[in-house]
């Protein structure tokens, strides 16, 4: 099949990583994939895609609404003779009209987060129109996300397939030793945004560090809340113990070297970083939000609410108990086998091949 994947841009985040992984596996299965980035932004993801021989197109989108995107995407769909257009994040508002004009009947949109949080109001209104009247199949990353799609868009549940995110598990460096050397290292990977709840994480870490001073918090990421987060760290005398590691194109060594992984988010879809931590065999403390409880249970992770005191207790349980770190780390590694990128690609292919036949 000739498949076109469309993303706003390829920053180092979960949806973009999922699209990258899906592209590689579709190519391995013998399909022809073109990737569109609406903005000019280049990153390590686009570099890897291009190095792998993937055709990546940059459309130089202007800020705000840019209707020229419809014509640009339509030309690429016609040129590539696309069988499938697969959109992510807010691309559907441009790509679906382009697909209609180009006669591409197979139209898929992955909802990467709880439906009411993924897009702005206008994009959600357009998505509802596309899903209900223009044969676009919304794909959910978990059962909970599917429920939010039903509520937000009024679509029958049976019309919403669930496909779990996946990664290339062979890239994970499996943890074998659960002793901690030097400081006890807690790792978080995520955009500095309200969703990821960094202030709540820092409150939990302060409680933990005050009691266990041989501890560090590693933060990988960047984003709009970085200044606020840095100010909190400075105001609470945590700067020597909170390591700002910036954006990293390869997180696997950091995951392997950490002692535990934490993701105390306010809401989530199926977070790619969590799959990477699971594949590494890291003990995990995460809030039981979004798709997280579909990925891990009480026998494979410590799941909490967003109360910093609960997150602190999770940290301390692992700190005090090497056997628990080992048990939960290995259990998380076993659960990771359900989240392979090849399995994900095969499930999407089923949708690509039926969409347009069952719904046209």
Protein backbone atom coordinates (compact mmCIF):
# COMPACT_ATOMS: atom_id res chain seq x y z
CA UNK A 1 0.00 0.00 0.00
CA UNK A 2 1.01 3.64 -0.46
CA UNK A 3 0.58 5.27 2.94
CA UNK A 4 0.97 8.94 3.88
CA UNK A 5 1.55 9.82 7.55
CA UNK A 6 0.93 13.46 8.49
CA UNK A 7 2.24 15.19 11.62
CA UNK A 8 2.40 18.92 12.50
CA UNK A 9 6.13 18.59 13.17
CA UNK A 10 8.55 16.06 14.60
CA UNK A 11 9.50 17.32 18.02
CA UNK A 12 10.83 14.75 20.50
CA UNK A 13 7.51 13.67 21.97
CA UNK A 14 5.27 10.63 22.20
CA UNK A 15 2.98 11.00 19.18
CA UNK A 16 5.94 11.82 16.94
CA UNK A 17 7.90 8.82 18.21
CA UNK A 18 4.89 6.58 17.64
CA UNK A 19 4.62 7.83 14.04
CA UNK A 20 8.33 7.18 13.49
CA UNK A 21 8.11 3.63 14.87
CA UNK A 22 4.98 2.88 12.84
CA UNK A 23 6.67 4.12 9.66
CA UNK A 24 9.69 1.85 10.08
CA UNK A 25 7.55 -1.23 10.66
CA UNK A 26 5.24 -0.49 7.72
CA UNK A 27 8.32 -0.19 5.50
CA UNK A 28 9.65 -3.51 6.82
CA UNK A 29 6.32 -5.08 5.85
CA UNK A 30 6.84 -3.92 2.27
CA UNK A 31 4.66 -0.80 2.16
CA UNK A 32 5.57 2.58 0.66
CA UNK A 33 5.37 5.32 3.31
CA UNK A 34 5.64 9.07 2.78
CA UNK A 35 5.84 11.27 5.88
CA UNK A 36 4.62 14.87 5.89
CA UNK A 37 5.73 17.46 8.44
CA UNK A 38 3.58 20.58 8.08
CA UNK A 39 6.30 22.77 9.58
CA UNK A 40 9.92 23.10 8.48
CA UNK A 41 11.21 21.90 11.90
CA UNK A 42 13.95 19.25 11.71
CA UNK A 43 14.90 16.97 14.61
CA UNK A 44 16.71 13.73 15.35
CA UNK A 45 13.47 11.94 14.38
CA UNK A 46 13.42 13.44 10.88
CA UNK A 47 17.15 12.77 10.56
CA UNK A 48 16.61 9.11 11.41
CA UNK A 49 13.66 8.82 9.03
CA UNK A 50 15.64 10.35 6.17
CA UNK A 51 18.68 8.18 6.94
CA UNK A 52 16.40 5.14 6.77
CA UNK A 53 15.34 6.19 3.26
CA UNK A 54 11.87 7.47 4.15
CA UNK A 55 10.50 10.25 1.94
CA UNK A 56 9.93 13.17 4.36
CA UNK A 57 8.19 16.30 3.03
CA UNK A 58 8.20 19.69 4.80
CA UNK A 59 5.35 22.08 3.95
CA UNK A 60 6.59 25.32 5.61
CA UNK A 61 3.29 25.98 7.36
CA UNK A 62 2.64 29.55 8.55
CA UNK A 63 1.61 30.20 12.14
CA UNK A 64 -2.14 30.05 12.79
CA UNK A 65 -4.66 28.88 10.22
CA UNK A 66 -2.93 28.25 6.89
CA UNK A 67 -5.37 27.01 4.23
CA UNK A 68 -2.52 26.56 1.74
CA UNK A 69 -1.83 23.30 3.57
CA UNK A 70 -4.88 21.70 1.96
CA UNK A 71 -3.56 22.27 -1.56
CA UNK A 72 -0.01 21.25 -0.65
CA UNK A 73 -1.15 18.01 0.98
CA UNK A 74 -3.52 17.26 -1.90
CA UNK A 75 -0.67 17.55 -4.41
CA UNK A 76 1.46 15.10 -2.42
CA UNK A 77 -1.43 12.63 -2.10
CA UNK A 78 -2.01 12.78 -5.85
CA UNK A 79 1.71 12.56 -6.69
CA UNK A 80 2.26 9.53 -4.45
CA UNK A 81 -1.03 7.91 -5.53
CA UNK A 82 -1.79 7.42 -1.86
CA UNK A 83 -4.07 4.59 -0.77
CA UNK A 84 -4.19 5.75 2.86
CA UNK A 85 -3.89 9.06 4.65
CA UNK A 86 -3.16 8.73 8.39
CA UNK A 87 -3.29 11.91 10.48
CA UNK A 88 -2.04 12.74 13.97
CA UNK A 89 -2.75 15.57 16.44
CA UNK A 90 -4.39 18.56 14.67
CA UNK A 91 -3.46 17.65 11.07
CA UNK A 92 -6.90 16.28 10.18
CA UNK A 93 -8.37 19.75 9.63
CA UNK A 94 -6.05 20.16 6.63
CA UNK A 95 -5.39 16.58 5.56
CA UNK A 96 -8.94 15.24 5.39
CA UNK A 97 -10.21 17.92 2.96
CA UNK A 98 -7.05 17.26 0.93
CA UNK A 99 -7.77 13.51 0.98
CA UNK A 100 -11.36 14.10 -0.16
CA UNK A 101 -10.22 16.29 -3.08
CA UNK A 102 -7.50 13.77 -4.01
CA UNK A 103 -9.92 10.84 -3.86
CA UNK A 104 -8.12 8.99 -1.05
CA UNK A 105 -10.86 6.89 0.53
CA UNK A 106 -8.85 5.27 3.32
CA UNK A 107 -8.67 7.90 6.08
CA UNK A 108 -7.44 7.21 9.61
CA UNK A 109 -6.83 9.53 12.56
CA UNK A 110 -5.10 8.45 15.76
CA UNK A 111 -6.41 10.13 18.91
CA UNK A 112 -3.25 10.33 21.02
CA UNK A 113 -4.79 11.64 24.21
CA UNK A 114 -8.13 11.93 25.97
CA UNK A 115 -10.35 13.40 23.24
CA UNK A 116 -11.29 16.66 24.95
CA UNK A 117 -7.60 17.48 25.59
CA UNK A 118 -6.04 16.52 22.26
CA UNK A 119 -7.18 19.44 20.10
CA UNK A 120 -8.61 22.93 20.34
CA UNK A 121 -12.34 23.63 20.02
CA UNK A 122 -12.35 24.28 16.26
CA UNK A 123 -10.27 21.19 15.47
CA UNK A 124 -12.60 19.05 17.60
CA UNK A 125 -15.65 20.39 15.74
CA UNK A 126 -14.03 19.51 12.44
CA UNK A 127 -13.00 16.08 13.74
CA UNK A 128 -16.62 15.37 14.68
CA UNK A 129 -17.69 16.28 11.14
CA UNK A 130 -14.97 14.09 9.62
CA UNK A 131 -15.70 11.09 11.84
CA UNK A 132 -19.46 11.24 11.33
CA UNK A 133 -19.79 12.20 7.67
CA UNK A 134 -16.47 11.76 5.84
CA UNK A 135 -15.51 8.18 6.68
CA UNK A 136 -12.53 8.97 8.89
CA UNK A 137 -11.78 6.18 11.35
CA UNK A 138 -10.70 7.42 14.79
CA UNK A 139 -8.22 5.05 16.45
CA UNK A 140 -7.95 5.07 20.24
CA UNK A 141 -4.80 4.15 22.15
CA UNK A 142 -6.71 2.59 25.04
CA UNK A 143 -10.20 1.65 26.20
CA UNK A 144 -10.41 4.81 28.30
CA UNK A 145 -9.47 6.99 25.32
CA UNK A 146 -12.11 5.20 23.25
CA UNK A 147 -14.69 6.12 25.90
CA UNK A 148 -13.63 9.79 25.69
CA UNK A 149 -14.02 9.68 21.88
CA UNK A 150 -17.54 8.32 22.29
CA UNK A 151 -18.38 11.11 24.74
CA UNK A 152 -16.70 13.95 22.83
CA UNK A 153 -17.76 13.03 19.30
CA UNK A 154 -20.91 10.96 19.79
CA UNK A 155 -19.59 8.00 17.78
CA UNK A 156 -20.66 4.40 18.33
CA UNK A 157 -18.06 2.50 20.32
CA UNK A 158 -17.94 -0.32 17.78
CA UNK A 159 -16.65 2.15 15.15
CA UNK A 160 -13.55 3.02 17.20
CA UNK A 161 -10.71 0.46 17.06
CA UNK A 162 -8.19 0.36 19.91
CA UNK A 163 -4.54 -0.07 18.93
CA UNK A 164 -1.82 0.09 21.56
CA UNK A 165 1.25 2.21 20.93
CA UNK A 166 4.44 0.26 20.36
CA UNK A 167 8.20 0.68 20.28
CA UNK A 168 11.12 -1.33 18.96
CA UNK A 169 11.79 -3.21 22.19
CA UNK A 170 15.20 -4.36 20.92
CA UNK A 171 16.47 -0.80 21.52
CA UNK A 172 15.83 -1.04 25.27
CA UNK A 173 18.85 -1.85 27.47
CA UNK A 174 17.42 -4.36 29.93
CA UNK A 175 18.21 -3.62 33.56
CA UNK A 176 19.74 -6.56 35.39
CA UNK A 177 21.15 -5.07 38.61
CA UNK A 178 18.72 -3.34 40.99
CA UNK A 179 21.33 -2.14 43.50
CA UNK A 180 21.72 1.62 43.43
CA UNK A 181 25.22 3.10 43.29
CA UNK A 182 25.89 6.56 44.69
CA UNK A 183 22.68 8.59 44.73
CA UNK A 184 19.25 7.05 44.21
CA UNK A 185 18.25 8.28 40.76
CA UNK A 186 14.62 9.04 39.83
CA UNK A 187 14.01 9.68 36.12
CA UNK A 188 11.19 11.58 34.43
CA UNK A 189 10.87 12.08 30.66
CA UNK A 190 8.25 14.46 29.35
CA UNK A 191 7.41 17.88 27.99
CA UNK A 192 7.50 20.69 30.56
CA UNK A 193 3.75 21.28 30.44
CA UNK A 194 0.71 21.23 32.73
CA UNK A 195 -0.14 17.73 31.52
CA UNK A 196 3.05 16.24 32.92
CA UNK A 197 2.61 17.81 36.39
CA UNK A 198 6.25 18.72 37.05
CA UNK A 199 5.39 20.90 40.06
CA UNK A 200 3.57 17.98 41.69
CA UNK A 201 6.58 15.79 40.91
CA UNK A 202 8.96 18.32 42.48
CA UNK A 203 6.80 18.53 45.61
CA UNK A 204 6.96 14.74 45.92
CA UNK A 205 10.72 14.77 45.32
CA UNK A 206 11.27 17.47 47.96
CA UNK A 207 9.46 15.34 50.54
CA UNK A 208 11.58 12.39 49.50
CA UNK A 209 14.91 14.24 49.33
CA UNK A 210 14.40 15.90 52.73
CA UNK A 211 14.17 12.40 54.20
CA UNK A 212 16.68 10.67 51.90
CA UNK A 213 19.37 13.19 50.86
CA UNK A 214 21.24 10.60 48.76
CA UNK A 215 18.72 11.10 45.94
CA UNK A 216 18.54 12.87 42.59
CA UNK A 217 15.78 13.71 40.14
CA UNK A 218 16.65 13.60 36.44
CA UNK A 219 14.40 15.59 34.10
CA UNK A 220 14.59 14.97 30.36
CA UNK A 221 12.53 17.38 28.28
CA UNK A 222 11.77 21.01 27.54
CA UNK A 223 8.69 23.14 27.13
CA UNK A 224 6.64 26.18 28.00
CA UNK A 225 6.70 25.62 31.78
CA UNK A 226 10.48 25.32 32.11
CA UNK A 227 10.97 28.75 33.73
CA UNK A 228 8.30 28.04 36.37
CA UNK A 229 9.86 24.64 37.09
CA UNK A 230 13.36 26.09 37.41
CA UNK A 231 12.06 28.79 39.77
CA UNK A 232 10.44 26.14 41.98
CA UNK A 233 13.70 24.19 42.09
CA UNK A 234 15.69 27.32 43.03
CA UNK A 235 13.15 28.52 45.61
CA UNK A 236 13.23 25.14 47.36
CA UNK A 237 17.04 24.71 47.32
CA UNK A 238 16.80 21.64 45.09
CA UNK A 239 19.07 22.81 42.27
CA UNK A 240 22.07 20.56 43.14
CA UNK A 241 19.80 17.52 43.21
CA UNK A 242 17.51 18.15 40.23
CA UNK A 243 19.33 17.55 36.95
CA UNK A 244 17.91 19.31 33.87
CA UNK A 245 19.11 17.08 31.02
CA UNK A 246 17.30 18.85 28.17
CA UNK A 247 16.01 17.08 25.08
CA UNK A 248 17.69 13.78 24.31
CA UNK A 249 17.50 11.98 20.98
CA UNK A 250 18.36 8.68 22.68
CA UNK A 251 16.99 8.08 26.17
CA UNK A 252 17.87 4.40 26.57
CA UNK A 253 21.15 4.87 28.45
CA UNK A 254 19.47 7.27 30.88
CA UNK A 255 16.68 4.75 31.46
CA UNK A 256 19.17 1.96 32.11
CA UNK A 257 21.21 4.07 34.55
CA UNK A 258 18.20 5.30 36.56
CA UNK A 259 16.93 3.45 39.62
CA UNK A 260 13.23 4.18 39.12
CA UNK A 261 11.03 5.90 36.54
CA UNK A 262 8.15 8.20 37.39
CA UNK A 263 5.27 9.68 35.40
CA UNK A 264 2.90 11.57 37.76
CA UNK A 265 0.88 13.15 34.92
CA UNK A 266 -2.49 14.88 35.22
CA UNK A 267 -3.74 13.01 32.14
CA UNK A 268 -2.24 10.66 29.57
CA UNK A 269 -2.90 8.53 26.52
CA UNK A 270 -0.54 5.59 26.07
CA UNK A 271 2.76 7.32 26.90
CA UNK A 272 5.71 6.16 24.82
CA UNK A 273 8.18 6.99 27.59
CA UNK A 274 6.35 4.60 29.89
CA UNK A 275 6.72 1.79 27.33
CA UNK A 276 10.44 2.56 27.09
CA UNK A 277 10.76 2.40 30.89
CA UNK A 278 8.83 -0.88 30.93
CA UNK A 279 11.04 -2.33 28.20
CA UNK A 280 14.10 -1.37 30.27
CA UNK A 281 12.71 -3.19 33.31
CA UNK A 282 12.60 -0.07 35.48
CA UNK A 283 10.44 0.06 38.61
CA UNK A 284 7.72 2.63 37.91
CA UNK A 285 5.69 5.14 39.95
CA UNK A 286 2.90 6.59 37.82
CA UNK A 287 -0.48 8.20 38.28
CA UNK A 288 -3.40 5.96 37.33
CA UNK A 289 -4.71 8.27 34.59
CA UNK A 290 -5.70 7.79 30.95
CA UNK A 291 -4.33 4.61 29.44
CA UNK A 292 -1.77 3.97 32.20
CA UNK A 293 -3.90 1.42 34.10
CA UNK A 294 -4.33 -0.47 30.79
CA UNK A 295 -0.55 -0.79 30.61
CA UNK A 296 0.36 -1.56 34.22
CA UNK A 297 -1.42 -2.89 37.29
CA UNK A 298 -0.75 -3.13 41.03
CA UNK A 299 1.52 -6.15 40.43
CA UNK A 300 3.79 -4.43 37.91
CA UNK A 301 4.01 -0.80 39.11
CA UNK A 302 3.10 1.55 41.92
CA UNK A 303 0.07 3.48 40.67
CA UNK A 304 -1.06 6.56 42.61
CA UNK A 305 -3.30 9.60 42.34
CA UNK A 306 -1.74 13.03 41.69
CA UNK A 307 -1.26 13.82 45.42
CA UNK A 308 2.50 14.47 45.88
CA UNK A 309 2.38 12.63 49.22
CA UNK A 310 1.24 9.46 47.46
CA UNK A 311 3.96 9.80 44.84
CA UNK A 312 6.49 10.33 47.65
CA UNK A 313 5.33 7.11 49.33
CA UNK A 314 5.85 5.27 46.04
CA UNK A 315 9.41 6.60 45.79
CA UNK A 316 10.13 5.56 49.36
CA UNK A 317 8.75 2.05 48.96
CA UNK A 318 11.20 1.40 46.14
CA UNK A 319 14.07 3.14 47.94
CA UNK A 320 13.71 0.92 51.00
CA UNK A 321 13.12 -2.38 49.21
CA UNK A 322 15.50 -3.71 46.56
CA UNK A 323 13.41 -6.86 46.16
CA UNK A 324 10.37 -4.76 45.29
CA UNK A 325 12.41 -2.83 42.71
CA UNK A 326 13.49 -6.11 41.17
CA UNK A 327 10.03 -7.71 41.25
CA UNK A 328 8.20 -4.74 39.75
CA UNK A 329 10.94 -3.98 37.24
CA UNK A 330 10.83 -7.51 35.84
CA UNK A 331 7.02 -7.52 35.84
CA UNK A 332 7.02 -4.24 33.87
CA UNK A 333 9.48 -5.76 31.39
CA UNK A 334 7.15 -8.71 30.84
CA UNK A 335 4.19 -6.37 30.28
CA UNK A 336 6.21 -4.42 27.69
CA UNK A 337 5.98 -7.37 25.28
CA UNK A 338 2.40 -6.31 24.51
CA UNK A 339 3.68 -2.96 23.18
CA UNK A 340 5.89 -3.87 20.23
CA UNK A 341 5.90 -1.59 17.19
CA UNK A 342 5.51 -4.52 14.77
CA UNK A 343 2.29 -5.62 16.49
CA UNK A 344 1.08 -2.01 16.30
CA UNK A 345 1.86 -1.80 12.57
CA UNK A 346 0.00 -5.03 11.77
CA UNK A 347 -3.07 -3.76 13.62
CA UNK A 348 -3.01 -0.46 11.70
CA UNK A 349 -2.73 -2.37 8.42
CA UNK A 350 -5.99 -4.14 9.22
CA UNK A 351 -7.65 -0.73 9.60
CA UNK A 352 -6.05 0.65 6.43
CA UNK A 353 -7.29 -2.30 4.38
CA UNK A 354 -10.89 -2.18 5.62
CA UNK A 355 -11.43 1.58 5.92
CA UNK A 356 -13.16 2.86 2.79
CA UNK A 357 -14.62 -0.57 2.06
CA UNK A 358 -16.84 -0.89 5.11
CA UNK A 359 -17.70 2.78 5.44
CA UNK A 360 -18.01 4.18 1.91
